Amino acid sequence: MSQKLTTKQFGVRCGISVREKYAGVEAKQRKKQTCPFCKKTAKRVAFGIWKCKKCGKKFASGAYYIR
């Protein structure tokens, strides 16, 4: 059972299962996202809207990470 540093902000107020789920989602969110068209890095522009840094295409996907 490993906790990320970011889940320590909750202390004992939340249960372990909630902290583990939060850590999993945050780990996905923070890693580099790849463009489905050219396989380079994409950046989130707004909620669910992503833009590729290389090819310049805008596309819709998940709110916090590309699915």
PDB file of N, CA and C in Angstrom:
ATOM      1  N   MET A   1       0.829  -1.174   0.000  1.00  0.00           N
ATOM      2  CA  MET A   1       0.000   0.000   0.000  1.00  0.00           C
ATOM      3  C   MET A   1       0.882   1.249   0.000  1.00  0.00           C
ATOM      4  N   SER A   2       0.999   1.883  -1.127  1.00  0.00           N
ATOM      5  CA  SER A   2       1.835   3.072  -1.195  1.00  0.00           C
ATOM      6  C   SER A   2       0.965   4.298  -1.436  1.00  0.00           C
ATOM      7  N   GLN A   3       1.195   5.330  -0.649  1.00  0.00           N
ATOM      8  CA  GLN A   3       0.469   6.569  -0.817  1.00  0.00           C
ATOM      9  C   GLN A   3       1.374   7.580  -1.501  1.00  0.00           C
ATOM     10  N   LYS A   4       0.800   8.342  -2.372  1.00  0.00           N
ATOM     11  CA  LYS A   4       1.544   9.424  -2.994  1.00  0.00           C
ATOM     12  C   LYS A   4       1.631  10.579  -2.004  1.00  0.00           C
ATOM     13  N   LEU A   5       2.573  11.455  -2.232  1.00  0.00           N
ATOM     14  CA  LEU A   5       2.742  12.609  -1.369  1.00  0.00           C
ATOM     15  C   LEU A   5       1.502  13.498  -1.389  1.00  0.00           C
ATOM     16  N   THR A   6       0.813  13.566  -2.517  1.00  0.00           N
ATOM     17  CA  THR A   6      -0.340  14.446  -2.637  1.00  0.00           C
ATOM     18  C   THR A   6      -1.536  13.965  -1.837  1.00  0.00           C
ATOM     19  N   THR A   7      -1.615  12.679  -1.504  1.00  0.00           N
ATOM     20  CA  THR A   7      -2.749  12.199  -0.726  1.00  0.00           C
ATOM     21  C   THR A   7      -2.568  12.447   0.763  1.00  0.00           C
ATOM     22  N   LYS A   8      -1.396  12.842   1.176  1.00  0.00           N
ATOM     23  CA  LYS A   8      -1.174  13.133   2.591  1.00  0.00           C
ATOM     24  C   LYS A   8      -1.907  14.396   3.019  1.00  0.00           C
ATOM     25  N   GLN A   9      -2.343  15.196   2.061  1.00  0.00           N
ATOM     26  CA  GLN A   9      -3.084  16.404   2.402  1.00  0.00           C
ATOM     27  C   GLN A   9      -4.418  16.078   3.063  1.00  0.00           C
ATOM     28  N   PHE A  10      -4.937  14.871   2.846  1.00  0.00           N
ATOM     29  CA  PHE A  10      -6.213  14.486   3.431  1.00  0.00           C
ATOM     30  C   PHE A  10      -6.068  13.975   4.857  1.00  0.00           C
ATOM     31  N   GLY A  11      -4.889  13.515   5.222  1.00  0.00           N
ATOM     32  CA  GLY A  11      -4.665  13.007   6.564  1.00  0.00           C
ATOM     33  C   GLY A  11      -5.521  11.785   6.836  1.00  0.00           C
ATOM     34  N   VAL A  12      -6.151  11.752   7.989  1.00  0.00           N
ATOM     35  CA  VAL A  12      -6.996  10.613   8.348  1.00  0.00           C
ATOM     36  C   VAL A  12      -8.475  10.906   8.110  1.00  0.00           C
ATOM     37  N   ARG A  13      -8.783  12.044   7.521  1.00  0.00           N
ATOM     38  CA  ARG A  13     -10.183  12.415   7.310  1.00  0.00           C
ATOM     39  C   ARG A  13     -10.860  11.521   6.291  1.00  0.00           C
ATOM     40  N   CYS A  14     -10.115  11.033   5.310  1.00  0.00           N
ATOM     41  CA  CYS A  14     -10.680  10.178   4.267  1.00  0.00           C
ATOM     42  C   CYS A  14     -10.164   8.760   4.458  1.00  0.00           C
ATOM     43  N   GLY A  15     -10.907   7.806   3.992  1.00  0.00           N
ATOM     44  CA  GLY A  15     -10.481   6.420   4.087  1.00  0.00           C
ATOM     45  C   GLY A  15      -9.372   6.099   3.105  1.00  0.00           C
ATOM     46  N   ILE A  16      -8.742   4.962   3.286  1.00  0.00           N
ATOM     47  CA  ILE A  16      -7.620   4.560   2.441  1.00  0.00           C
ATOM     48  C   ILE A  16      -8.058   4.306   1.009  1.00  0.00           C
ATOM     49  N   SER A  17      -9.254   3.765   0.818  1.00  0.00           N
ATOM     50  CA  SER A  17      -9.706   3.477  -0.548  1.00  0.00           C
ATOM     51  C   SER A  17      -9.907   4.759  -1.347  1.00  0.00           C
ATOM     52  N   VAL A  18     -10.415   5.795  -0.713  1.00  0.00           N
ATOM     53  CA  VAL A  18     -10.605   7.084  -1.388  1.00  0.00           C
ATOM     54  C   VAL A  18      -9.257   7.683  -1.760  1.00  0.00           C
ATOM     55  N   ARG A  19      -8.299   7.603  -0.842  1.00  0.00           N
ATOM     56  CA  ARG A  19      -6.968   8.155  -1.129  1.00  0.00           C
ATOM     57  C   ARG A  19      -6.261   7.388  -2.236  1.00  0.00           C
ATOM     58  N   GLU A  20      -6.442   6.073  -2.290  1.00  0.00           N
ATOM     59  CA  GLU A  20      -5.823   5.281  -3.355  1.00  0.00           C
ATOM     60  C   GLU A  20      -6.428   5.604  -4.714  1.00  0.00           C
ATOM     61  N   LYS A  21      -7.749   5.765  -4.767  1.00  0.00           N
ATOM     62  CA  LYS A  21      -8.406   6.140  -6.031  1.00  0.00           C
ATOM     63  C   LYS A  21      -7.937   7.513  -6.497  1.00  0.00           C
ATOM     64  N   TYR A  22      -7.843   8.453  -5.566  1.00  0.00           N
ATOM     65  CA  TYR A  22      -7.392   9.794  -5.891  1.00  0.00           C
ATOM     66  C   TYR A  22      -5.961   9.780  -6.426  1.00  0.00           C
ATOM     67  N   ALA A  23      -5.103   8.994  -5.800  1.00  0.00           N
ATOM     68  CA  ALA A  23      -3.714   8.897  -6.232  1.00  0.00           C
ATOM     69  C   ALA A  23      -3.625   8.309  -7.639  1.00  0.00           C
ATOM     70  N   GLY A  24      -4.467   7.330  -7.960  1.00  0.00           N
ATOM     71  CA  GLY A  24      -4.460   6.733  -9.296  1.00  0.00           C
ATOM     72  C   GLY A  24      -4.874   7.713 -10.373  1.00  0.00           C
ATOM     73  N   VAL A  25      -5.939   8.463 -10.101  1.00  0.00           N
ATOM     74  CA  VAL A  25      -6.421   9.453 -11.070  1.00  0.00           C
ATOM     75  C   VAL A  25      -5.383  10.555 -11.245  1.00  0.00           C
ATOM     76  N   GLU A  26      -4.796  11.013 -10.151  1.00  0.00           N
ATOM     77  CA  GLU A  26      -3.817  12.087 -10.246  1.00  0.00           C
ATOM     78  C   GLU A  26      -2.559  11.644 -10.985  1.00  0.00           C
ATOM     79  N   ALA A  27      -2.165  10.403 -10.822  1.00  0.00           N
ATOM     80  CA  ALA A  27      -0.991   9.899 -11.537  1.00  0.00           C
ATOM     81  C   ALA A  27      -1.243   9.887 -13.045  1.00  0.00           C
ATOM     82  N   LYS A  28      -2.448   9.488 -13.462  1.00  0.00           N
ATOM     83  CA  LYS A  28      -2.803   9.505 -14.889  1.00  0.00           C
ATOM     84  C   LYS A  28      -2.826  10.928 -15.415  1.00  0.00           C
ATOM     85  N   GLN A  29      -3.355  11.834 -14.608  1.00  0.00           N
ATOM     86  CA  GLN A  29      -3.508  13.219 -15.027  1.00  0.00           C
ATOM     87  C   GLN A  29      -2.157  13.907 -15.218  1.00  0.00           C
ATOM     88  N   ARG A  30      -1.199  13.609 -14.377  1.00  0.00           N
ATOM     89  CA  ARG A  30       0.074  14.317 -14.408  1.00  0.00           C
ATOM     90  C   ARG A  30       1.076  13.788 -15.416  1.00  0.00           C
ATOM     91  N   LYS A  31       0.868  12.591 -15.946  1.00  0.00           N
ATOM     92  CA  LYS A  31       1.832  12.087 -16.923  1.00  0.00           C
ATOM     93  C   LYS A  31       1.578  12.719 -18.289  1.00  0.00           C
ATOM     94  N   LYS A  32       2.578  12.692 -19.142  1.00  0.00           N
ATOM     95  CA  LYS A  32       2.469  13.316 -20.470  1.00  0.00           C
ATOM     96  C   LYS A  32       1.373  12.623 -21.274  1.00  0.00           C
ATOM     97  N   GLN A  33       0.529  13.423 -21.904  1.00  0.00           N
ATOM     98  CA  GLN A  33      -0.553  12.904 -22.719  1.00  0.00           C
ATOM     99  C   GLN A  33      -0.119  12.908 -24.187  1.00  0.00           C
ATOM    100  N   THR A  34      -0.468  11.859 -24.932  1.00  0.00           N
ATOM    101  CA  THR A  34      -0.039  11.765 -26.328  1.00  0.00           C
ATOM    102  C   THR A  34      -1.200  12.030 -27.274  1.00  0.00           C
ATOM    103  N   CYS A  35      -0.891  12.717 -28.354  1.00  0.00           N
ATOM    104  CA  CYS A  35      -1.874  13.024 -29.392  1.00  0.00           C
ATOM    105  C   CYS A  35      -2.235  11.734 -30.133  1.00  0.00           C
ATOM    106  N   PRO A  36      -3.516  11.465 -30.343  1.00  0.00           N
ATOM    107  CA  PRO A  36      -3.899  10.246 -31.062  1.00  0.00           C
ATOM    108  C   PRO A  36      -3.590  10.297 -32.556  1.00  0.00           C
ATOM    109  N   PHE A  37      -3.287  11.468 -33.087  1.00  0.00           N
ATOM    110  CA  PHE A  37      -3.028  11.610 -34.514  1.00  0.00           C
ATOM    111  C   PHE A  37      -1.545  11.450 -34.852  1.00  0.00           C
ATOM    112  N   CYS A  38      -0.674  12.180 -34.135  1.00  0.00           N
ATOM    113  CA  CYS A  38       0.751  12.149 -34.484  1.00  0.00           C
ATOM    114  C   CYS A  38       1.624  11.530 -33.393  1.00  0.00           C
ATOM    115  N   LYS A  39       1.039  11.144 -32.282  1.00  0.00           N
ATOM    116  CA  LYS A  39       1.736  10.474 -31.168  1.00  0.00           C
ATOM    117  C   LYS A  39       2.764  11.365 -30.459  1.00  0.00           C
ATOM    118  N   LYS A  40       2.614  12.669 -30.549  1.00  0.00           N
ATOM    119  CA  LYS A  40       3.464  13.598 -29.792  1.00  0.00           C
ATOM    120  C   LYS A  40       2.679  14.135 -28.603  1.00  0.00           C
ATOM    121  N   THR A  41       3.219  15.105 -27.894  1.00  0.00           N
ATOM    122  CA  THR A  41       2.605  15.611 -26.670  1.00  0.00           C
ATOM    123  C   THR A  41       1.407  16.508 -26.954  1.00  0.00           C
ATOM    124  N   ALA A  42       0.326  16.285 -26.189  1.00  0.00           N
ATOM    125  CA  ALA A  42      -0.868  17.113 -26.273  1.00  0.00           C
ATOM    126  C   ALA A  42      -1.065  17.821 -24.942  1.00  0.00           C
ATOM    127  N   LYS A  43      -1.657  18.999 -24.996  1.00  0.00           N
ATOM    128  CA  LYS A  43      -1.879  19.791 -23.795  1.00  0.00           C
ATOM    129  C   LYS A  43      -3.366  20.108 -23.670  1.00  0.00           C
ATOM    130  N   ARG A  44      -3.856  20.125 -22.442  1.00  0.00           N
ATOM    131  CA  ARG A  44      -5.260  20.423 -22.197  1.00  0.00           C
ATOM    132  C   ARG A  44      -5.496  21.921 -22.316  1.00  0.00           C
ATOM    133  N   VAL A  45      -6.457  22.305 -23.142  1.00  0.00           N
ATOM    134  CA  VAL A  45      -6.795  23.713 -23.341  1.00  0.00           C
ATOM    135  C   VAL A  45      -7.903  24.126 -22.384  1.00  0.00           C
ATOM    136  N   ALA A  46      -8.934  23.297 -22.311  1.00  0.00           N
ATOM    137  CA  ALA A  46     -10.075  23.543 -21.434  1.00  0.00           C
ATOM    138  C   ALA A  46     -10.633  22.191 -21.007  1.00  0.00           C
ATOM    139  N   PHE A  47     -11.731  22.206 -20.304  1.00  0.00           N
ATOM    140  CA  PHE A  47     -12.353  20.985 -19.799  1.00  0.00           C
ATOM    141  C   PHE A  47     -12.730  20.076 -20.966  1.00  0.00           C
ATOM    142  N   GLY A  48     -11.961  19.011 -21.184  1.00  0.00           N
ATOM    143  CA  GLY A  48     -12.251  18.051 -22.244  1.00  0.00           C
ATOM    144  C   GLY A  48     -11.755  18.438 -23.620  1.00  0.00           C
ATOM    145  N   ILE A  49     -11.074  19.562 -23.755  1.00  0.00           N
ATOM    146  CA  ILE A  49     -10.554  20.006 -25.050  1.00  0.00           C
ATOM    147  C   ILE A  49      -9.030  19.967 -24.991  1.00  0.00           C
ATOM    148  N   TRP A  50      -8.436  19.296 -25.971  1.00  0.00           N
ATOM    149  CA  TRP A  50      -6.991  19.095 -26.010  1.00  0.00           C
ATOM    150  C   TRP A  50      -6.429  19.638 -27.304  1.00  0.00           C
ATOM    151  N   LYS A  51      -5.164  20.070 -27.281  1.00  0.00           N
ATOM    152  CA  LYS A  51      -4.496  20.564 -28.487  1.00  0.00           C
ATOM    153  C   LYS A  51      -3.098  19.968 -28.546  1.00  0.00           C
ATOM    154  N   CYS A  52      -2.752  19.462 -29.728  1.00  0.00           N
ATOM    155  CA  CYS A  52      -1.429  18.878 -29.930  1.00  0.00           C
ATOM    156  C   CYS A  52      -0.413  19.997 -30.126  1.00  0.00           C
ATOM    157  N   LYS A  53       0.745  19.836 -29.505  1.00  0.00           N
ATOM    158  CA  LYS A  53       1.794  20.847 -29.632  1.00  0.00           C
ATOM    159  C   LYS A  53       2.465  20.800 -30.998  1.00  0.00           C
ATOM    160  N   LYS A  54       2.502  19.617 -31.628  1.00  0.00           N
ATOM    161  CA  LYS A  54       3.222  19.474 -32.896  1.00  0.00           C
ATOM    162  C   LYS A  54       2.323  19.729 -34.102  1.00  0.00           C
ATOM    163  N   CYS A  55       1.227  18.951 -34.217  1.00  0.00           N
ATOM    164  CA  CYS A  55       0.393  19.070 -35.418  1.00  0.00           C
ATOM    165  C   CYS A  55      -0.664  20.168 -35.307  1.00  0.00           C
ATOM    166  N   GLY A  56      -0.925  20.672 -34.095  1.00  0.00           N
ATOM    167  CA  GLY A  56      -1.848  21.780 -33.911  1.00  0.00           C
ATOM    168  C   GLY A  56      -3.320  21.410 -33.946  1.00  0.00           C
ATOM    169  N   LYS A  57      -3.648  20.133 -34.000  1.00  0.00           N
ATOM    170  CA  LYS A  57      -5.047  19.713 -34.039  1.00  0.00           C
ATOM    171  C   LYS A  57      -5.678  19.844 -32.670  1.00  0.00           C
ATOM    172  N   LYS A  58      -6.946  20.283 -32.667  1.00  0.00           N
ATOM    173  CA  LYS A  58      -7.727  20.328 -31.444  1.00  0.00           C
ATOM    174  C   LYS A  58      -8.706  19.172 -31.491  1.00  0.00           C
ATOM    175  N   PHE A  59      -8.895  18.527 -30.362  1.00  0.00           N
ATOM    176  CA  PHE A  59      -9.821  17.401 -30.311  1.00  0.00           C
ATOM    177  C   PHE A  59     -10.400  17.290 -28.914  1.00  0.00           C
ATOM    178  N   ALA A  60     -11.507  16.556 -28.818  1.00  0.00           N
ATOM    179  CA  ALA A  60     -12.183  16.350 -27.544  1.00  0.00           C
ATOM    180  C   ALA A  60     -11.849  14.961 -27.019  1.00  0.00           C
ATOM    181  N   SER A  61     -11.683  14.891 -25.717  1.00  0.00           N
ATOM    182  CA  SER A  61     -11.416  13.614 -25.063  1.00  0.00           C
ATOM    183  C   SER A  61     -11.833  13.736 -23.607  1.00  0.00           C
ATOM    184  N   GLY A  62     -11.197  12.986 -22.734  1.00  0.00           N
ATOM    185  CA  GLY A  62     -11.540  13.020 -21.324  1.00  0.00           C
ATOM    186  C   GLY A  62     -11.258  14.372 -20.707  1.00  0.00           C
ATOM    187  N   ALA A  63     -11.858  14.614 -19.557  1.00  0.00           N
ATOM    188  CA  ALA A  63     -11.720  15.898 -18.909  1.00  0.00           C
ATOM    189  C   ALA A  63     -10.309  16.143 -18.381  1.00  0.00           C
ATOM    190  N   TYR A  64      -9.681  15.114 -17.797  1.00  0.00           N
ATOM    191  CA  TYR A  64      -8.395  15.308 -17.168  1.00  0.00           C
ATOM    192  C   TYR A  64      -7.265  14.522 -17.809  1.00  0.00           C
ATOM    193  N   TYR A  65      -7.578  13.538 -18.629  1.00  0.00           N
ATOM    194  CA  TYR A  65      -6.568  12.795 -19.362  1.00  0.00           C
ATOM    195  C   TYR A  65      -7.180  12.220 -20.636  1.00  0.00           C
ATOM    196  N   ILE A  66      -6.347  11.980 -21.633  1.00  0.00           N
ATOM    197  CA  ILE A  66      -6.818  11.488 -22.921  1.00  0.00           C
ATOM    198  C   ILE A  66      -7.148  10.010 -22.800  1.00  0.00           C
ATOM    199  N   ARG A  67      -8.308   9.645 -23.249  1.00  0.00           N
ATOM    200  CA  ARG A  67      -8.753   8.239 -23.161  1.00  0.00           C
ATOM    201  C   ARG A  67      -8.405   7.486 -24.393  1.00  0.00           C
TER     202      ARG A  67
END
